[in-house]
């Protein structure tokens, strides 16, 4: 059954719902020649994160077409594979704990090993399901 919002619901309250489930999205640009090795690594890495970081319950990794409208990507031609990582997390509080205590070290390790750039990150808060 679909959930609906009443006229008394505040958008501010919805946006700041720190206890609702979220998806932490990470977009990556990976050189094509390293894509298979990186996906193998990412499989192990994401399973480890979900097994060891409190509140991280599941992870999906997607490929996507080259993003459009981002001028700096136009210089890459057809040399990259674009990945989207979705971590399913119990709450924003769990994500904040991860960001404060583990993310910097993990990102540094990943950058040193692979040298890839994160294009962007987003936090998607679940508001309703149908």
N, C-alpha and C. Protein backbone atom coordinates (compact mmCIF):
# COMPACT_ATOMS: atom_id res chain seq x y z
N UNK A 1 0.84 -1.17 0.00
CA UNK A 1 0.00 0.00 0.00
C UNK A 1 0.89 1.24 0.00
N UNK A 2 0.57 2.21 -0.82
CA UNK A 2 1.38 3.42 -0.93
C UNK A 2 1.15 4.32 0.26
N UNK A 3 2.21 4.97 0.67
CA UNK A 3 2.16 5.92 1.75
C UNK A 3 1.93 7.30 1.16
N UNK A 4 1.13 8.11 1.83
CA UNK A 4 0.93 9.47 1.35
C UNK A 4 1.31 10.44 2.43
N UNK A 5 1.65 11.65 2.04
CA UNK A 5 2.04 12.69 2.96
C UNK A 5 0.84 13.59 3.21
N UNK A 6 0.59 13.91 4.47
CA UNK A 6 -0.50 14.83 4.77
C UNK A 6 -0.02 16.25 4.59
N UNK A 7 -0.96 17.18 4.49
CA UNK A 7 -0.60 18.58 4.30
C UNK A 7 0.10 19.14 5.53
N UNK A 8 0.03 18.45 6.66
CA UNK A 8 0.70 18.95 7.86
C UNK A 8 2.14 18.47 7.97
N UNK A 9 2.56 17.53 7.10
CA UNK A 9 3.95 17.06 7.12
C UNK A 9 4.87 18.18 6.66
N UNK A 10 5.92 18.39 7.39
CA UNK A 10 6.89 19.42 7.05
C UNK A 10 7.99 18.83 6.18
N UNK A 11 8.32 19.49 5.10
CA UNK A 11 9.41 19.03 4.25
C UNK A 11 10.70 19.00 5.03
N UNK A 12 10.89 19.96 5.93
CA UNK A 12 12.09 19.99 6.77
C UNK A 12 12.17 18.72 7.60
N UNK A 13 11.07 18.30 8.19
CA UNK A 13 11.06 17.08 8.99
C UNK A 13 11.38 15.86 8.13
N UNK A 14 10.88 15.84 6.91
CA UNK A 14 11.15 14.71 6.03
C UNK A 14 12.63 14.67 5.66
N UNK A 15 13.17 15.81 5.29
CA UNK A 15 14.55 15.87 4.84
C UNK A 15 15.52 15.51 5.95
N UNK A 16 15.21 15.86 7.17
CA UNK A 16 16.15 15.64 8.27
C UNK A 16 15.88 14.35 9.03
N UNK A 17 15.10 13.47 8.46
CA UNK A 17 14.73 12.23 9.15
C UNK A 17 15.96 11.34 9.32
N UNK A 18 16.70 11.54 10.41
CA UNK A 18 17.97 10.84 10.64
C UNK A 18 17.83 9.38 10.95
N UNK A 19 16.62 8.90 11.19
CA UNK A 19 16.45 7.49 11.52
C UNK A 19 15.83 6.69 10.38
N UNK A 20 15.53 7.32 9.26
CA UNK A 20 14.96 6.57 8.14
C UNK A 20 16.07 5.88 7.36
N UNK A 21 15.74 4.75 6.72
CA UNK A 21 16.74 4.06 5.90
C UNK A 21 17.24 4.97 4.79
N UNK A 22 18.50 4.80 4.43
CA UNK A 22 19.07 5.61 3.36
C UNK A 22 19.88 4.75 2.40
N UNK A 23 20.15 5.33 1.26
CA UNK A 23 21.10 4.77 0.31
C UNK A 23 22.23 5.78 0.20
N UNK A 24 23.43 5.31 0.39
CA UNK A 24 24.63 6.12 0.21
C UNK A 24 25.17 5.77 -1.16
N UNK A 25 25.10 6.71 -2.08
CA UNK A 25 25.48 6.48 -3.47
C UNK A 25 26.85 7.07 -3.76
N UNK A 26 27.69 6.28 -4.39
CA UNK A 26 29.03 6.71 -4.79
C UNK A 26 29.17 6.45 -6.29
N UNK A 27 29.52 7.48 -7.03
CA UNK A 27 29.70 7.36 -8.47
C UNK A 27 31.19 7.39 -8.79
N UNK A 28 31.64 6.41 -9.59
CA UNK A 28 33.05 6.25 -9.88
C UNK A 28 33.31 6.25 -11.38
N UNK A 29 34.48 6.73 -11.74
CA UNK A 29 34.96 6.72 -13.12
C UNK A 29 36.22 5.85 -13.14
N UNK A 30 36.15 4.72 -13.84
CA UNK A 30 37.23 3.72 -13.81
C UNK A 30 37.77 3.51 -15.22
N UNK A 31 39.10 3.55 -15.40
CA UNK A 31 39.66 3.25 -16.72
C UNK A 31 39.21 1.87 -17.21
N UNK A 32 38.80 1.80 -18.46
CA UNK A 32 38.26 0.53 -19.00
C UNK A 32 39.22 -0.64 -18.82
N UNK A 33 40.51 -0.40 -19.00
CA UNK A 33 41.46 -1.51 -18.91
C UNK A 33 41.61 -2.06 -17.50
N UNK A 34 41.13 -1.33 -16.50
CA UNK A 34 41.21 -1.79 -15.11
C UNK A 34 39.84 -2.16 -14.54
N UNK A 35 38.80 -2.06 -15.34
CA UNK A 35 37.43 -2.22 -14.84
C UNK A 35 37.17 -3.62 -14.26
N UNK A 36 37.60 -4.68 -14.94
CA UNK A 36 37.34 -6.04 -14.45
C UNK A 36 38.05 -6.27 -13.12
N UNK A 37 39.30 -5.88 -13.02
CA UNK A 37 40.05 -6.05 -11.76
C UNK A 37 39.42 -5.22 -10.65
N UNK A 38 38.98 -4.02 -10.99
CA UNK A 38 38.37 -3.17 -9.97
C UNK A 38 37.03 -3.75 -9.49
N UNK A 39 36.24 -4.29 -10.40
CA UNK A 39 34.97 -4.92 -9.99
C UNK A 39 35.22 -6.13 -9.10
N UNK A 40 36.25 -6.90 -9.40
CA UNK A 40 36.60 -8.03 -8.53
C UNK A 40 36.96 -7.53 -7.13
N UNK A 41 37.79 -6.49 -7.08
CA UNK A 41 38.16 -5.87 -5.80
C UNK A 41 36.93 -5.32 -5.09
N UNK A 42 36.07 -4.62 -5.84
CA UNK A 42 34.89 -3.99 -5.25
C UNK A 42 33.93 -5.02 -4.66
N UNK A 43 33.86 -6.18 -5.27
CA UNK A 43 33.01 -7.25 -4.74
C UNK A 43 33.44 -7.61 -3.32
N UNK A 44 34.72 -7.84 -3.13
CA UNK A 44 35.26 -8.17 -1.81
C UNK A 44 35.15 -7.00 -0.85
N UNK A 45 35.48 -5.80 -1.33
CA UNK A 45 35.47 -4.61 -0.49
C UNK A 45 34.07 -4.33 0.05
N UNK A 46 33.06 -4.34 -0.82
CA UNK A 46 31.70 -4.00 -0.39
C UNK A 46 31.13 -5.07 0.54
N UNK A 47 31.45 -6.34 0.29
CA UNK A 47 31.01 -7.40 1.21
C UNK A 47 31.62 -7.19 2.59
N UNK A 48 32.88 -6.79 2.63
CA UNK A 48 33.56 -6.54 3.89
C UNK A 48 32.93 -5.35 4.62
N UNK A 49 32.64 -4.29 3.89
CA UNK A 49 31.99 -3.12 4.52
C UNK A 49 30.66 -3.53 5.14
N UNK A 50 29.85 -4.26 4.39
CA UNK A 50 28.53 -4.67 4.91
C UNK A 50 28.65 -5.63 6.10
N UNK A 51 29.73 -6.41 6.13
CA UNK A 51 29.92 -7.37 7.23
C UNK A 51 30.50 -6.71 8.47
N UNK A 52 31.21 -5.59 8.31
CA UNK A 52 31.93 -5.03 9.45
C UNK A 52 31.47 -3.64 9.91
N UNK A 53 30.73 -2.93 9.09
CA UNK A 53 30.29 -1.58 9.47
C UNK A 53 28.85 -1.63 9.93
N UNK A 54 28.62 -1.22 11.17
CA UNK A 54 27.28 -1.28 11.76
C UNK A 54 26.31 -0.45 10.93
N UNK A 55 25.16 -1.04 10.65
CA UNK A 55 24.10 -0.36 9.92
C UNK A 55 24.15 -0.52 8.42
N UNK A 56 25.28 -0.96 7.87
CA UNK A 56 25.38 -1.20 6.43
C UNK A 56 24.86 -2.60 6.15
N UNK A 57 23.71 -2.69 5.49
CA UNK A 57 23.02 -3.97 5.38
C UNK A 57 23.15 -4.65 4.02
N UNK A 58 23.43 -3.87 2.98
CA UNK A 58 23.44 -4.44 1.64
C UNK A 58 24.15 -3.46 0.71
N UNK A 59 24.66 -3.98 -0.39
CA UNK A 59 25.29 -3.11 -1.38
C UNK A 59 24.96 -3.63 -2.78
N UNK A 60 24.66 -2.70 -3.66
CA UNK A 60 24.49 -3.00 -5.08
C UNK A 60 25.48 -2.17 -5.86
N UNK A 61 26.05 -2.76 -6.92
CA UNK A 61 26.94 -2.03 -7.80
C UNK A 61 26.36 -2.10 -9.21
N UNK A 62 26.26 -0.94 -9.84
CA UNK A 62 25.67 -0.82 -11.17
C UNK A 62 26.70 -0.22 -12.12
N UNK A 63 26.56 -0.54 -13.40
CA UNK A 63 27.25 0.22 -14.43
C UNK A 63 26.22 1.19 -15.00
N UNK A 64 26.72 2.26 -15.57
CA UNK A 64 25.82 3.22 -16.19
C UNK A 64 26.48 3.78 -17.45
N UNK A 65 25.66 4.30 -18.37
CA UNK A 65 26.25 4.96 -19.53
C UNK A 65 27.03 6.20 -19.07
N UNK A 66 27.88 6.68 -19.92
CA UNK A 66 28.63 7.88 -19.59
C UNK A 66 27.66 9.00 -19.23
N UNK A 67 27.85 9.60 -18.04
CA UNK A 67 26.95 10.70 -17.65
C UNK A 67 27.05 11.86 -18.64
N UNK A 68 25.95 12.50 -18.90
CA UNK A 68 25.94 13.64 -19.81
C UNK A 68 25.87 14.94 -19.02
N UNK A 69 26.29 15.99 -19.65
CA UNK A 69 26.19 17.31 -19.04
C UNK A 69 27.32 17.66 -18.09
N UNK A 70 28.30 16.78 -17.93
CA UNK A 70 29.44 17.06 -17.05
C UNK A 70 30.63 17.35 -17.95
N UNK A 71 30.98 18.62 -18.07
CA UNK A 71 31.97 19.02 -19.07
C UNK A 71 33.31 18.32 -18.92
N UNK A 72 33.76 18.03 -17.69
CA UNK A 72 35.07 17.41 -17.52
C UNK A 72 35.10 15.98 -18.01
N UNK A 73 33.94 15.33 -18.14
CA UNK A 73 33.91 13.96 -18.65
C UNK A 73 34.05 13.91 -20.17
N UNK A 74 33.79 15.03 -20.83
CA UNK A 74 33.88 15.03 -22.29
C UNK A 74 35.31 14.74 -22.76
N UNK A 75 36.29 15.04 -21.92
CA UNK A 75 37.68 14.80 -22.28
C UNK A 75 38.06 13.33 -22.16
N UNK A 76 37.25 12.53 -21.49
CA UNK A 76 37.57 11.11 -21.30
C UNK A 76 37.28 10.26 -22.52
N UNK A 77 36.52 10.78 -23.45
CA UNK A 77 36.16 9.99 -24.62
C UNK A 77 35.44 8.73 -24.21
N UNK A 78 35.89 7.60 -24.73
CA UNK A 78 35.27 6.31 -24.42
C UNK A 78 36.22 5.45 -23.60
N UNK A 79 37.04 6.08 -22.77
CA UNK A 79 38.10 5.37 -22.07
C UNK A 79 37.73 4.90 -20.66
N UNK A 80 36.51 5.19 -20.21
CA UNK A 80 36.14 4.88 -18.83
C UNK A 80 34.88 4.03 -18.76
N UNK A 81 34.77 3.34 -17.63
CA UNK A 81 33.54 2.65 -17.24
C UNK A 81 33.02 3.41 -16.03
N UNK A 82 31.73 3.65 -16.01
CA UNK A 82 31.14 4.42 -14.92
C UNK A 82 30.33 3.49 -14.03
N UNK A 83 30.68 3.50 -12.74
CA UNK A 83 30.05 2.62 -11.76
C UNK A 83 29.28 3.45 -10.74
N UNK A 84 28.18 2.87 -10.28
CA UNK A 84 27.39 3.47 -9.21
C UNK A 84 27.28 2.43 -8.10
N UNK A 85 27.70 2.81 -6.90
CA UNK A 85 27.65 1.94 -5.74
C UNK A 85 26.54 2.45 -4.83
N UNK A 86 25.62 1.56 -4.46
CA UNK A 86 24.55 1.90 -3.52
C UNK A 86 24.71 1.06 -2.26
N UNK A 87 25.08 1.71 -1.17
CA UNK A 87 25.06 1.05 0.13
C UNK A 87 23.71 1.30 0.77
N UNK A 88 23.04 0.24 1.20
CA UNK A 88 21.79 0.36 1.94
C UNK A 88 22.15 0.42 3.42
N UNK A 89 21.71 1.47 4.09
CA UNK A 89 22.12 1.73 5.46
C UNK A 89 20.88 1.96 6.31
N UNK A 90 20.91 1.43 7.52
CA UNK A 90 19.76 1.52 8.41
C UNK A 90 19.34 2.95 8.72
N UNK A 91 20.30 3.86 8.86
CA UNK A 91 19.96 5.24 9.20
C UNK A 91 21.12 6.17 8.86
N UNK A 92 20.81 7.45 8.82
CA UNK A 92 21.85 8.44 8.57
C UNK A 92 22.83 8.48 9.74
N UNK A 93 22.36 8.14 10.92
CA UNK A 93 23.26 8.08 12.08
C UNK A 93 24.36 7.05 11.87
N UNK A 94 24.01 5.90 11.30
CA UNK A 94 25.02 4.89 10.98
C UNK A 94 25.99 5.41 9.92
N UNK A 95 25.46 6.09 8.90
CA UNK A 95 26.34 6.65 7.87
C UNK A 95 27.28 7.68 8.47
N UNK A 96 26.76 8.57 9.31
CA UNK A 96 27.60 9.60 9.92
C UNK A 96 28.73 8.98 10.75
N UNK A 97 28.42 7.91 11.47
CA UNK A 97 29.46 7.23 12.26
C UNK A 97 30.55 6.69 11.34
N UNK A 98 30.14 6.09 10.23
CA UNK A 98 31.10 5.58 9.24
C UNK A 98 31.95 6.72 8.67
N UNK A 99 31.30 7.81 8.27
CA UNK A 99 32.02 8.93 7.67
C UNK A 99 33.01 9.54 8.65
N UNK A 100 32.65 9.59 9.91
CA UNK A 100 33.52 10.19 10.93
C UNK A 100 34.69 9.30 11.32
N UNK A 101 34.52 7.98 11.25
CA UNK A 101 35.55 7.09 11.79
C UNK A 101 36.30 6.25 10.76
N UNK A 102 35.70 5.98 9.60
CA UNK A 102 36.32 5.01 8.68
C UNK A 102 36.50 5.49 7.25
N UNK A 103 35.65 6.37 6.78
CA UNK A 103 35.61 6.69 5.36
C UNK A 103 36.92 7.28 4.85
N UNK A 104 37.52 8.20 5.58
CA UNK A 104 38.76 8.83 5.10
C UNK A 104 39.86 7.80 4.86
N UNK A 105 40.05 6.89 5.81
CA UNK A 105 41.10 5.88 5.67
C UNK A 105 40.80 4.94 4.50
N UNK A 106 39.54 4.54 4.37
CA UNK A 106 39.18 3.65 3.27
C UNK A 106 39.35 4.33 1.92
N UNK A 107 38.94 5.59 1.83
CA UNK A 107 39.06 6.33 0.57
C UNK A 107 40.53 6.52 0.20
N UNK A 108 41.35 6.82 1.18
CA UNK A 108 42.79 7.02 0.92
C UNK A 108 43.42 5.71 0.42
N UNK A 109 43.08 4.62 1.07
CA UNK A 109 43.60 3.31 0.67
C UNK A 109 43.16 2.98 -0.77
N UNK A 110 41.89 3.23 -1.07
CA UNK A 110 41.36 2.96 -2.40
C UNK A 110 42.05 3.84 -3.44
N UNK A 111 42.24 5.12 -3.13
CA UNK A 111 42.90 6.05 -4.06
C UNK A 111 44.34 5.64 -4.31
N UNK A 112 45.04 5.24 -3.25
CA UNK A 112 46.44 4.82 -3.41
C UNK A 112 46.56 3.56 -4.26
N UNK A 113 45.65 2.63 -4.04
CA UNK A 113 45.72 1.36 -4.78
C UNK A 113 45.29 1.52 -6.24
N UNK A 114 44.22 2.30 -6.49
CA UNK A 114 43.62 2.33 -7.81
C UNK A 114 43.77 3.66 -8.54
N UNK A 115 43.84 4.76 -7.81
CA UNK A 115 43.99 6.07 -8.44
C UNK A 115 42.76 6.59 -9.14
N UNK A 116 41.58 6.04 -8.83
CA UNK A 116 40.35 6.49 -9.49
C UNK A 116 39.73 7.64 -8.72
N UNK A 117 38.96 8.41 -9.42
CA UNK A 117 38.28 9.52 -8.79
C UNK A 117 36.81 9.22 -8.56
N UNK A 118 36.33 9.63 -7.41
CA UNK A 118 34.90 9.60 -7.16
C UNK A 118 34.33 10.84 -7.84
N UNK A 119 33.36 10.64 -8.72
CA UNK A 119 32.74 11.77 -9.40
C UNK A 119 31.87 12.53 -8.41
N UNK A 120 31.05 11.79 -7.66
CA UNK A 120 30.24 12.43 -6.63
C UNK A 120 29.64 11.40 -5.69
N UNK A 121 29.09 11.91 -4.61
CA UNK A 121 28.39 11.08 -3.63
C UNK A 121 27.04 11.73 -3.36
N UNK A 122 26.07 10.89 -3.04
CA UNK A 122 24.75 11.41 -2.65
C UNK A 122 24.20 10.57 -1.51
N UNK A 123 23.37 11.19 -0.72
CA UNK A 123 22.63 10.49 0.33
C UNK A 123 21.16 10.56 -0.06
N UNK A 124 20.56 9.39 -0.23
CA UNK A 124 19.15 9.28 -0.61
C UNK A 124 18.39 8.76 0.60
N UNK A 125 17.46 9.55 1.11
CA UNK A 125 16.67 9.16 2.28
C UNK A 125 15.34 8.58 1.82
N UNK A 126 15.02 7.41 2.35
CA UNK A 126 13.74 6.78 2.02
C UNK A 126 12.62 7.55 2.69
N UNK A 127 11.65 7.98 1.90
CA UNK A 127 10.51 8.70 2.42
C UNK A 127 9.22 7.88 2.34
N UNK A 128 9.08 7.10 1.27
CA UNK A 128 7.91 6.24 1.16
C UNK A 128 8.18 5.15 0.15
N UNK A 129 7.44 4.09 0.25
CA UNK A 129 7.52 3.00 -0.71
C UNK A 129 6.14 2.71 -1.23
N UNK A 130 6.06 2.18 -2.42
CA UNK A 130 4.76 1.87 -3.01
C UNK A 130 4.67 0.39 -3.29
